[in-house]
Amino acid sequence: MIGRAPRIDAHQHFWRYDPAEYAWIDETMAALRRDALPYDAAAEMARAGFDACVAVQARQTLDETRFLLALADAHPFIAGVVGWIDLQSRDARRQLEACADHPKLVGMRHVVQSEPDDRFMLRPAFLDGIAMLQDAGLAYDILVYSRQLPAAVELVDHFPSQRFVLDHLGKPDIRGGGFDAWRRDVRALAARPHVFAKLSGLITEADRARWTPETLRPYLDAAFDAFGAERLMIGSDWPVCTVAGDYLRTMRVVIDYVAGRPPVEQDAVLGANAQRFWNLVVPA
């Protein structure tokens, strides 16, 4: 790490696999039906030259938030945790207070992409929950499909002082098209300076067997045009990425893309932005 910013993977998952708890892992992702734990990730990260990561929730339970925080206590390279509480619950404040003091809790996420109502995030109870996060100094991860991006723009306009980060660039339908509408909506979201975005999850939205870096280049071009290098973060989405490519191949998409940019921009995208956004402490 001497002479450069730390390399931080802004989006990883950890779990002890249980078919009932992880029912979203369907037949197309059967390779994920196994434990995904820090010692597995650490080896992959070392091979790719990454120093730390942010662990992100993958199921909507308080137990998982506690599980991820315990892993972060045991493994210093997990520099931050994006957990889950029921933001719509009348009990949400108590849920938040039970974990908000943990130094590695940096944000919360809800799996909005799975909600049938595309305007789910604009429900009054959900907005109340986001307001609590703002008061607690926690960021919010926006996980949506591209069709839900207009609602995300409305959400962030409610909270101009809240930090938001868009997961997986809003999950563009790379296999099916729709690039122009996605780019328009990403630009609208990026026009709000309190929103960052993760360069993650793209290979699983592409043809998983046939994608190449060139397949993804137009989406990266659009992201840099919209957000600039100062608001983008690399993320692997490990182990989900492994249904389409191993960790190193996944990370090389962005590493190689930024290789021709000035060193300050490379450092920003590959770690400094994540460190700044979440105020992460990265082990030396």
C-alpha atoms as a PDB file:
ATOM      1  CA  MET A   1       0.000   0.000   0.000  1.00  0.00           C
ATOM      2  CA  ILE A   2       3.024   2.313   0.237  1.00  0.00           C
ATOM      3  CA  GLY A   3       2.883   4.975  -2.455  1.00  0.00           C
ATOM      4  CA  ARG A   4      -0.703   4.390  -3.475  1.00  0.00           C
ATOM      5  CA  ALA A   5      -4.209   4.488  -2.057  1.00  0.00           C
ATOM      6  CA  PRO A   6      -5.499   1.214  -0.619  1.00  0.00           C
ATOM      7  CA  ARG A   7      -7.298  -1.028  -3.062  1.00  0.00           C
ATOM      8  CA  ILE A   8     -10.833  -1.585  -1.775  1.00  0.00           C
ATOM      9  CA  ASP A   9     -13.458  -3.918  -3.188  1.00  0.00           C
ATOM     10  CA  ALA A  10     -16.647  -1.965  -2.527  1.00  0.00           C
ATOM     11  CA  HIS A  11     -19.053  -4.897  -2.864  1.00  0.00           C
ATOM     12  CA  GLN A  12     -18.669  -8.422  -1.507  1.00  0.00           C
ATOM     13  CA  HIS A  13     -21.027 -10.932   0.083  1.00  0.00           C
ATOM     14  CA  PHE A  14     -20.450 -13.568   2.761  1.00  0.00           C
ATOM     15  CA  TRP A  15     -22.784 -16.340   3.837  1.00  0.00           C
ATOM     16  CA  ARG A  16     -23.173 -19.790   5.271  1.00  0.00           C
ATOM     17  CA  TYR A  17     -25.366 -21.297   2.624  1.00  0.00           C
ATOM     18  CA  ASP A  18     -28.869 -22.369   3.584  1.00  0.00           C
ATOM     19  CA  PRO A  19     -31.344 -23.100   0.761  1.00  0.00           C
ATOM     20  CA  ALA A  20     -34.282 -21.614   2.647  1.00  0.00           C
ATOM     21  CA  GLU A  21     -32.455 -18.425   3.616  1.00  0.00           C
ATOM     22  CA  TYR A  22     -30.944 -17.907   0.159  1.00  0.00           C
ATOM     23  CA  ALA A  23     -33.854 -18.940  -2.029  1.00  0.00           C
ATOM     24  CA  TRP A  24     -32.874 -16.259  -4.568  1.00  0.00           C
ATOM     25  CA  ILE A  25     -29.946 -18.473  -5.587  1.00  0.00           C
ATOM     26  CA  ASP A  26     -31.817 -20.315  -8.319  1.00  0.00           C
ATOM     27  CA  GLU A  27     -30.763 -23.012 -10.804  1.00  0.00           C
ATOM     28  CA  THR A  28     -28.981 -20.464 -12.992  1.00  0.00           C
ATOM     29  CA  MET A  29     -26.691 -19.724 -10.033  1.00  0.00           C
ATOM     30  CA  ALA A  30     -26.328 -23.248  -8.658  1.00  0.00           C
ATOM     31  CA  ALA A  31     -22.557 -22.750  -8.272  1.00  0.00           C
ATOM     32  CA  LEU A  32     -23.324 -20.344  -5.405  1.00  0.00           C
ATOM     33  CA  ARG A  33     -24.984 -23.025  -3.304  1.00  0.00           C
ATOM     34  CA  ARG A  34     -22.042 -23.230  -0.947  1.00  0.00           C
ATOM     35  CA  ASP A  35     -20.515 -21.277   1.891  1.00  0.00           C
ATOM     36  CA  ALA A  36     -18.830 -18.000   0.926  1.00  0.00           C
ATOM     37  CA  LEU A  37     -16.539 -16.954   3.746  1.00  0.00           C
ATOM     38  CA  PRO A  38     -13.712 -14.466   4.332  1.00  0.00           C
ATOM     39  CA  TYR A  39     -10.815 -16.906   3.985  1.00  0.00           C
ATOM     40  CA  ASP A  40     -12.020 -17.750   0.455  1.00  0.00           C
ATOM     41  CA  ALA A  41     -12.331 -14.089  -0.483  1.00  0.00           C
ATOM     42  CA  ALA A  42      -8.995 -13.117   1.059  1.00  0.00           C
ATOM     43  CA  ALA A  43      -7.083 -15.446  -1.235  1.00  0.00           C
ATOM     44  CA  GLU A  44      -8.828 -14.083  -4.324  1.00  0.00           C
ATOM     45  CA  MET A  45      -8.302 -10.487  -3.219  1.00  0.00           C
ATOM     46  CA  ALA A  46      -4.594 -11.020  -2.584  1.00  0.00           C
ATOM     47  CA  ARG A  47      -4.153 -12.453  -6.069  1.00  0.00           C
ATOM     48  CA  ALA A  48      -5.812  -9.358  -7.555  1.00  0.00           C
ATOM     49  CA  GLY A  49      -3.921  -6.908  -5.315  1.00  0.00           C
ATOM     50  CA  PHE A  50      -6.829  -5.744  -3.127  1.00  0.00           C
ATOM     51  CA  ASP A  51      -6.337  -4.788   0.509  1.00  0.00           C
ATOM     52  CA  ALA A  52      -9.840  -4.494   1.950  1.00  0.00           C
ATOM     53  CA  CYS A  53     -13.518  -4.869   1.166  1.00  0.00           C
ATOM     54  CA  VAL A  54     -16.996  -3.787   2.134  1.00  0.00           C
ATOM     55  CA  ALA A  55     -19.376  -6.644   2.996  1.00  0.00           C
ATOM     56  CA  VAL A  56     -22.948  -6.109   1.793  1.00  0.00           C
ATOM     57  CA  GLN A  57     -26.128  -7.810   2.959  1.00  0.00           C
ATOM     58  CA  ALA A  58     -27.657 -10.525   0.787  1.00  0.00           C
ATOM     59  CA  ARG A  59     -30.722 -11.484   2.847  1.00  0.00           C
ATOM     60  CA  GLN A  60     -33.105  -9.294   4.752  1.00  0.00           C
ATOM     61  CA  THR A  61     -32.662 -10.343   8.355  1.00  0.00           C
ATOM     62  CA  LEU A  62     -31.195  -8.746  11.445  1.00  0.00           C
ATOM     63  CA  ASP A  63     -29.272 -11.961  12.046  1.00  0.00           C
ATOM     64  CA  GLU A  64     -27.312 -11.441   8.843  1.00  0.00           C
ATOM     65  CA  THR A  65     -26.341  -7.933   9.854  1.00  0.00           C
ATOM     66  CA  ARG A  66     -25.018  -9.296  13.145  1.00  0.00           C
ATOM     67  CA  PHE A  67     -23.248 -12.114  11.254  1.00  0.00           C
ATOM     68  CA  LEU A  68     -21.474  -9.694   8.927  1.00  0.00           C
ATOM     69  CA  LEU A  69     -20.405  -7.437  11.793  1.00  0.00           C
ATOM     70  CA  ALA A  70     -18.985 -10.450  13.632  1.00  0.00           C
ATOM     71  CA  LEU A  71     -17.026 -11.405  10.524  1.00  0.00           C
ATOM     72  CA  ALA A  72     -15.710  -7.850  10.298  1.00  0.00           C
ATOM     73  CA  ASP A  73     -14.571  -8.063  13.931  1.00  0.00           C
ATOM     74  CA  ALA A  74     -12.700 -11.278  13.178  1.00  0.00           C
ATOM     75  CA  HIS A  75     -11.206 -10.257   9.810  1.00  0.00           C
ATOM     76  CA  PRO A  76      -9.628  -6.784   9.666  1.00  0.00           C
ATOM     77  CA  PHE A  77      -9.677  -6.699   5.852  1.00  0.00           C
ATOM     78  CA  ILE A  78     -13.487  -6.351   6.039  1.00  0.00           C
ATOM     79  CA  ALA A  79     -13.336  -2.589   6.502  1.00  0.00           C
ATOM     80  CA  GLY A  80     -17.053  -1.915   6.436  1.00  0.00           C
ATOM     81  CA  VAL A  81     -20.464  -3.583   6.520  1.00  0.00           C
ATOM     82  CA  VAL A  82     -23.629  -2.557   4.701  1.00  0.00           C
ATOM     83  CA  GLY A  83     -26.354  -4.259   6.683  1.00  0.00           C
ATOM     84  CA  TRP A  84     -30.127  -4.428   6.783  1.00  0.00           C
ATOM     85  CA  ILE A  85     -32.858  -3.358   9.141  1.00  0.00           C
ATOM     86  CA  ASP A  86     -36.559  -3.167   8.393  1.00  0.00           C
ATOM     87  CA  LEU A  87     -36.667   0.494   7.459  1.00  0.00           C
ATOM     88  CA  GLN A  88     -40.466   0.452   7.276  1.00  0.00           C
ATOM     89  CA  SER A  89     -41.017  -1.066  10.703  1.00  0.00           C
ATOM     90  CA  ARG A  90     -42.380   0.859  13.655  1.00  0.00           C
ATOM     91  CA  ASP A  91     -39.492  -0.825  15.457  1.00  0.00           C
ATOM     92  CA  ALA A  92     -36.889   0.444  13.002  1.00  0.00           C
ATOM     93  CA  ARG A  93     -35.249   2.882  15.404  1.00  0.00           C
ATOM     94  CA  ARG A  94     -34.688   0.177  18.004  1.00  0.00           C
ATOM     95  CA  GLN A  95     -33.280  -2.138  15.338  1.00  0.00           C
ATOM     96  CA  LEU A  96     -30.905   0.591  14.224  1.00  0.00           C
ATOM     97  CA  GLU A  97     -29.806   1.471  17.741  1.00  0.00           C
ATOM     98  CA  ALA A  98     -28.906  -2.165  18.371  1.00  0.00           C
ATOM     99  CA  CYS A  99     -26.121  -2.038  15.781  1.00  0.00           C
ATOM    100  CA  ALA A 100     -25.450   1.624  14.932  1.00  0.00           C
ATOM    101  CA  ASP A 101     -22.590   1.962  17.426  1.00  0.00           C
ATOM    102  CA  HIS A 102     -20.513  -0.729  15.725  1.00  0.00           C
ATOM    103  CA  PRO A 103     -17.534   1.086  14.165  1.00  0.00           C
ATOM    104  CA  LYS A 104     -17.638  -1.015  10.998  1.00  0.00           C
ATOM    105  CA  LEU A 105     -21.319  -0.496  10.231  1.00  0.00           C
ATOM    106  CA  VAL A 106     -21.207   2.007   7.361  1.00  0.00           C
ATOM    107  CA  GLY A 107     -24.576   1.717   5.679  1.00  0.00           C
ATOM    108  CA  MET A 108     -27.828  -0.115   5.030  1.00  0.00           C
ATOM    109  CA  ARG A 109     -29.492  -1.692   2.024  1.00  0.00           C
ATOM    110  CA  HIS A 110     -32.882  -3.061   1.054  1.00  0.00           C
ATOM    111  CA  VAL A 111     -33.326  -5.438  -1.907  1.00  0.00           C
ATOM    112  CA  VAL A 112     -35.615  -3.034  -3.721  1.00  0.00           C
ATOM    113  CA  GLN A 113     -35.062  -4.800  -7.049  1.00  0.00           C
ATOM    114  CA  SER A 114     -37.269  -7.639  -5.782  1.00  0.00           C
ATOM    115  CA  GLU A 115     -40.157  -5.402  -4.757  1.00  0.00           C
ATOM    116  CA  PRO A 116     -43.090  -5.596  -7.204  1.00  0.00           C
ATOM    117  CA  ASP A 117     -43.865  -1.917  -6.719  1.00  0.00           C
ATOM    118  CA  ASP A 118     -41.350   0.100  -8.739  1.00  0.00           C
ATOM    119  CA  ARG A 119     -42.050   3.099  -6.491  1.00  0.00           C
ATOM    120  CA  PHE A 120     -41.483   1.131  -3.290  1.00  0.00           C
ATOM    121  CA  MET A 121     -38.716   3.487  -2.159  1.00  0.00           C
ATOM    122  CA  LEU A 122     -41.141   6.410  -2.110  1.00  0.00           C
ATOM    123  CA  ARG A 123     -43.512   4.928   0.453  1.00  0.00           C
ATOM    124  CA  PRO A 124     -43.782   7.229   3.477  1.00  0.00           C
ATOM    125  CA  ALA A 125     -42.623   4.548   5.926  1.00  0.00           C
ATOM    126  CA  PHE A 126     -39.537   3.841   3.802  1.00  0.00           C
ATOM    127  CA  LEU A 127     -38.720   7.532   3.561  1.00  0.00           C
ATOM    128  CA  ASP A 128     -38.958   7.736   7.344  1.00  0.00           C
ATOM    129  CA  GLY A 129     -36.419   4.929   7.568  1.00  0.00           C
ATOM    130  CA  ILE A 130     -33.987   6.681   5.239  1.00  0.00           C
ATOM    131  CA  ALA A 131     -34.312   9.814   7.382  1.00  0.00           C
ATOM    132  CA  MET A 132     -33.160   7.739  10.374  1.00  0.00           C
ATOM    133  CA  LEU A 133     -30.062   6.644   8.470  1.00  0.00           C
ATOM    134  CA  GLN A 134     -29.234  10.250   7.704  1.00  0.00           C
ATOM    135  CA  ASP A 135     -29.475  11.104  11.394  1.00  0.00           C
ATOM    136  CA  ALA A 136     -27.194   8.161  12.231  1.00  0.00           C
ATOM    137  CA  GLY A 137     -24.574   9.122   9.634  1.00  0.00           C
ATOM    138  CA  LEU A 138     -25.062   5.912   7.634  1.00  0.00           C
ATOM    139  CA  ALA A 139     -25.067   5.679   3.853  1.00  0.00           C
ATOM    140  CA  TYR A 140     -27.731   3.879   1.837  1.00  0.00           C
ATOM    141  CA  ASP A 141     -27.075   1.423  -1.013  1.00  0.00           C
ATOM    142  CA  ILE A 142     -29.608   1.663  -3.846  1.00  0.00           C
ATOM    143  CA  LEU A 143     -30.212  -1.799  -5.337  1.00  0.00           C
ATOM    144  CA  VAL A 144     -32.611  -1.517  -8.265  1.00  0.00           C
ATOM    145  CA  TYR A 145     -33.167  -2.674 -11.795  1.00  0.00           C
ATOM    146  CA  SER A 146     -32.832  -0.044 -14.496  1.00  0.00           C
ATOM    147  CA  ARG A 147     -36.616   0.397 -14.760  1.00  0.00           C
ATOM    148  CA  GLN A 148     -36.617   1.550 -11.112  1.00  0.00           C
ATOM    149  CA  LEU A 149     -34.030   4.278 -11.613  1.00  0.00           C
ATOM    150  CA  PRO A 150     -36.588   7.108 -12.022  1.00  0.00           C
ATOM    151  CA  ALA A 151     -37.923   6.309  -8.540  1.00  0.00           C
ATOM    152  CA  ALA A 152     -34.353   6.324  -7.238  1.00  0.00           C
ATOM    153  CA  VAL A 153     -33.935   9.868  -8.569  1.00  0.00           C
ATOM    154  CA  GLU A 154     -37.039  10.920  -6.644  1.00  0.00           C
ATOM    155  CA  LEU A 155     -35.755   9.196  -3.517  1.00  0.00           C
ATOM    156  CA  VAL A 156     -32.411  10.975  -3.452  1.00  0.00           C
ATOM    157  CA  ASP A 157     -34.105  14.319  -4.098  1.00  0.00           C
ATOM    158  CA  HIS A 158     -35.923  13.883  -0.782  1.00  0.00           C
ATOM    159  CA  PHE A 159     -32.566  13.728   1.036  1.00  0.00           C
ATOM    160  CA  PRO A 160     -29.989  16.126  -0.430  1.00  0.00           C
ATOM    161  CA  SER A 161     -27.692  15.678   2.589  1.00  0.00           C
ATOM    162  CA  GLN A 162     -27.833  11.861   2.692  1.00  0.00           C
ATOM    163  CA  ARG A 163     -25.069   9.772   1.125  1.00  0.00           C
ATOM    164  CA  PHE A 164     -26.307   7.280  -1.482  1.00  0.00           C
ATOM    165  CA  VAL A 165     -24.459   4.763  -3.639  1.00  0.00           C
ATOM    166  CA  LEU A 166     -25.974   3.005  -6.646  1.00  0.00           C
ATOM    167  CA  ASP A 167     -25.183  -0.708  -6.700  1.00  0.00           C
ATOM    168  CA  HIS A 168     -24.217  -2.405  -9.964  1.00  0.00           C
ATOM    169  CA  LEU A 169     -24.814   0.777 -12.004  1.00  0.00           C
ATOM    170  CA  GLY A 170     -28.556   0.217 -11.698  1.00  0.00           C
ATOM    171  CA  LYS A 171     -28.380  -3.270 -13.252  1.00  0.00           C
ATOM    172  CA  PRO A 172     -28.654  -2.372 -16.953  1.00  0.00           C
ATOM    173  CA  ASP A 173     -30.153  -5.122 -19.100  1.00  0.00           C
ATOM    174  CA  ILE A 174     -26.967  -5.801 -21.008  1.00  0.00           C
ATOM    175  CA  ARG A 175     -28.315  -9.043 -22.464  1.00  0.00           C
ATOM    176  CA  GLY A 176     -31.608  -7.535 -23.568  1.00  0.00           C
ATOM    177  CA  GLY A 177     -30.693  -3.976 -24.540  1.00  0.00           C
ATOM    178  CA  GLY A 178     -32.360  -0.783 -23.384  1.00  0.00           C
ATOM    179  CA  PHE A 179     -29.037   1.058 -23.192  1.00  0.00           C
ATOM    180  CA  ASP A 180     -30.353   4.526 -24.088  1.00  0.00           C
ATOM    181  CA  ALA A 181     -33.075   4.618 -21.429  1.00  0.00           C
ATOM    182  CA  TRP A 182     -30.668   3.277 -18.793  1.00  0.00           C
ATOM    183  CA  ARG A 183     -28.024   5.881 -19.708  1.00  0.00           C
ATOM    184  CA  ARG A 184     -30.590   8.691 -19.538  1.00  0.00           C
ATOM    185  CA  ASP A 185     -31.734   7.647 -16.060  1.00  0.00           C
ATOM    186  CA  VAL A 186     -28.192   7.092 -14.760  1.00  0.00           C
ATOM    187  CA  ARG A 187     -27.272  10.577 -15.929  1.00  0.00           C
ATOM    188  CA  ALA A 188     -30.259  11.972 -14.052  1.00  0.00           C
ATOM    189  CA  LEU A 189     -29.196  10.192 -10.867  1.00  0.00           C
ATOM    190  CA  ALA A 190     -25.566  11.245 -11.295  1.00  0.00           C
ATOM    191  CA  ALA A 191     -26.645  14.877 -11.586  1.00  0.00           C
ATOM    192  CA  ARG A 192     -27.226  14.682  -7.828  1.00  0.00           C
ATOM    193  CA  PRO A 193     -23.755  15.173  -6.299  1.00  0.00           C
ATOM    194  CA  HIS A 194     -24.553  13.204  -3.136  1.00  0.00           C
ATOM    195  CA  VAL A 195     -24.867   9.968  -5.158  1.00  0.00           C
ATOM    196  CA  PHE A 196     -21.933   7.656  -5.916  1.00  0.00           C
ATOM    197  CA  ALA A 197     -22.006   4.414  -7.943  1.00  0.00           C
ATOM    198  CA  LYS A 198     -20.358   1.006  -7.889  1.00  0.00           C
ATOM    199  CA  LEU A 199     -18.749  -0.465 -10.980  1.00  0.00           C
ATOM    200  CA  SER A 200     -19.944  -3.927 -10.022  1.00  0.00           C
ATOM    201  CA  GLY A 201     -22.374  -6.625 -11.084  1.00  0.00           C
ATOM    202  CA  LEU A 202     -22.129  -5.954 -14.815  1.00  0.00           C
ATOM    203  CA  ILE A 203     -20.819  -9.326 -15.938  1.00  0.00           C
ATOM    204  CA  THR A 204     -23.841 -11.115 -14.510  1.00  0.00           C
ATOM    205  CA  GLU A 205     -26.193  -8.770 -16.400  1.00  0.00           C
ATOM    206  CA  ALA A 206     -24.364  -9.578 -19.642  1.00  0.00           C
ATOM    207  CA  ASP A 207     -24.347 -12.930 -21.449  1.00  0.00           C
ATOM    208  CA  ARG A 208     -22.563 -14.872 -18.727  1.00  0.00           C
ATOM    209  CA  ALA A 209     -20.867 -17.295 -21.117  1.00  0.00           C
ATOM    210  CA  ARG A 210     -19.879 -14.882 -23.888  1.00  0.00           C
ATOM    211  CA  TRP A 211     -19.211 -11.431 -22.400  1.00  0.00           C
ATOM    212  CA  THR A 212     -15.931  -9.649 -23.058  1.00  0.00           C
ATOM    213  CA  PRO A 213     -14.526  -6.382 -21.686  1.00  0.00           C
ATOM    214  CA  GLU A 214     -15.625  -4.750 -24.934  1.00  0.00           C
ATOM    215  CA  THR A 215     -19.206  -5.811 -24.207  1.00  0.00           C
ATOM    216  CA  LEU A 216     -19.094  -3.763 -21.014  1.00  0.00           C
ATOM    217  CA  ARG A 217     -17.123  -0.773 -22.270  1.00  0.00           C
ATOM    218  CA  PRO A 218     -20.163   1.320 -23.341  1.00  0.00           C
ATOM    219  CA  TYR A 219     -21.590   0.992 -19.826  1.00  0.00           C
ATOM    220  CA  LEU A 220     -18.313   2.014 -18.222  1.00  0.00           C
ATOM    221  CA  ASP A 221     -18.010   4.918 -20.651  1.00  0.00           C
ATOM    222  CA  ALA A 222     -21.499   6.085 -19.691  1.00  0.00           C
ATOM    223  CA  ALA A 223     -20.737   5.736 -15.976  1.00  0.00           C
ATOM    224  CA  PHE A 224     -17.565   7.826 -16.213  1.00  0.00           C
ATOM    225  CA  ASP A 225     -19.325  10.433 -18.354  1.00  0.00           C
ATOM    226  CA  ALA A 226     -22.111  10.691 -15.772  1.00  0.00           C
ATOM    227  CA  PHE A 227     -20.355  10.376 -12.401  1.00  0.00           C
ATOM    228  CA  GLY A 228     -16.746  11.172 -13.188  1.00  0.00           C
ATOM    229  CA  ALA A 229     -13.845   9.260 -11.663  1.00  0.00           C
ATOM    230  CA  GLU A 230     -14.375  10.966  -8.303  1.00  0.00           C
ATOM    231  CA  ARG A 231     -17.705   9.199  -7.574  1.00  0.00           C
ATOM    232  CA  LEU A 232     -17.142   5.675  -8.866  1.00  0.00           C
ATOM    233  CA  MET A 233     -15.929   2.598  -6.941  1.00  0.00           C
ATOM    234  CA  ILE A 234     -14.785  -0.798  -8.137  1.00  0.00           C
ATOM    235  CA  GLY A 235     -16.676  -3.790  -6.758  1.00  0.00           C
ATOM    236  CA  SER A 236     -16.551  -7.501  -7.460  1.00  0.00           C
ATOM    237  CA  ASP A 237     -19.975  -8.690  -6.284  1.00  0.00           C
ATOM    238  CA  TRP A 238     -18.103 -11.815  -5.152  1.00  0.00           C
ATOM    239  CA  PRO A 239     -19.123 -14.636  -5.013  1.00  0.00           C
ATOM    240  CA  VAL A 240     -22.108 -13.812  -7.248  1.00  0.00           C
ATOM    241  CA  CYS A 241     -19.676 -12.770  -9.981  1.00  0.00           C
ATOM    242  CA  THR A 242     -18.324 -16.327 -10.191  1.00  0.00           C
ATOM    243  CA  VAL A 243     -21.334 -17.480 -12.202  1.00  0.00           C
ATOM    244  CA  ALA A 244     -19.887 -15.388 -15.047  1.00  0.00           C
ATOM    245  CA  GLY A 245     -16.167 -15.021 -14.265  1.00  0.00           C
ATOM    246  CA  ASP A 246     -13.625 -15.556 -11.516  1.00  0.00           C
ATOM    247  CA  TYR A 247     -12.621 -12.773  -9.134  1.00  0.00           C
ATOM    248  CA  LEU A 248      -9.486 -11.676 -10.997  1.00  0.00           C
ATOM    249  CA  ARG A 249     -11.178 -11.611 -14.397  1.00  0.00           C
ATOM    250  CA  THR A 250     -14.079  -9.650 -12.912  1.00  0.00           C
ATOM    251  CA  MET A 251     -11.846  -7.021 -11.338  1.00  0.00           C
ATOM    252  CA  ARG A 252      -9.622  -6.733 -14.376  1.00  0.00           C
ATOM    253  CA  VAL A 253     -12.530  -5.300 -16.372  1.00  0.00           C
ATOM    254  CA  VAL A 254     -12.334  -2.069 -14.374  1.00  0.00           C
ATOM    255  CA  ILE A 255      -8.606  -2.213 -13.573  1.00  0.00           C
ATOM    256  CA  ASP A 256      -7.765  -2.422 -17.275  1.00  0.00           C
ATOM    257  CA  TYR A 257     -10.375   0.197 -18.182  1.00  0.00           C
ATOM    258  CA  VAL A 258      -8.828   2.811 -15.888  1.00  0.00           C
ATOM    259  CA  ALA A 259      -5.217   1.847 -16.689  1.00  0.00           C
ATOM    260  CA  GLY A 260      -4.887   4.648 -19.234  1.00  0.00           C
ATOM    261  CA  ARG A 261      -6.261   7.313 -16.902  1.00  0.00           C
ATOM    262  CA  PRO A 262      -4.158   9.555 -14.625  1.00  0.00           C
ATOM    263  CA  PRO A 263      -2.882   7.812 -11.463  1.00  0.00           C
ATOM    264  CA  VAL A 264      -5.073   9.997  -9.240  1.00  0.00           C
ATOM    265  CA  GLU A 265      -8.170   8.739 -11.064  1.00  0.00           C
ATOM    266  CA  GLN A 266      -6.999   5.145 -10.885  1.00  0.00           C
ATOM    267  CA  ASP A 267      -6.453   5.458  -7.147  1.00  0.00           C
ATOM    268  CA  ALA A 268      -9.864   7.066  -6.734  1.00  0.00           C
ATOM    269  CA  VAL A 269     -11.834   4.347  -8.510  1.00  0.00           C
ATOM    270  CA  LEU A 270      -9.801   1.446  -7.131  1.00  0.00           C
ATOM    271  CA  GLY A 271     -10.072   2.439  -3.498  1.00  0.00           C
ATOM    272  CA  ALA A 272      -9.801   6.082  -2.457  1.00  0.00           C
ATOM    273  CA  ASN A 273     -13.424   6.896  -3.284  1.00  0.00           C
ATOM    274  CA  ALA A 274     -14.705   3.998  -1.195  1.00  0.00           C
ATOM    275  CA  GLN A 275     -12.442   4.966   1.690  1.00  0.00           C
ATOM    276  CA  ARG A 276     -13.697   8.555   1.553  1.00  0.00           C
ATOM    277  CA  PHE A 277     -17.374   7.736   1.021  1.00  0.00           C
ATOM    278  CA  TRP A 278     -17.604   5.387   3.994  1.00  0.00           C
ATOM    279  CA  ASN A 279     -14.719   6.826   6.052  1.00  0.00           C
ATOM    280  CA  LEU A 280     -13.090   3.394   6.133  1.00  0.00           C
ATOM    281  CA  VAL A 281     -10.094   2.433   8.230  1.00  0.00           C
ATOM    282  CA  VAL A 282      -7.959   0.101   6.127  1.00  0.00           C
ATOM    283  CA  PRO A 283      -5.337  -2.063   7.853  1.00  0.00           C
ATOM    284  CA  ALA A 284      -1.760  -1.327   6.887  1.00  0.00           C
END
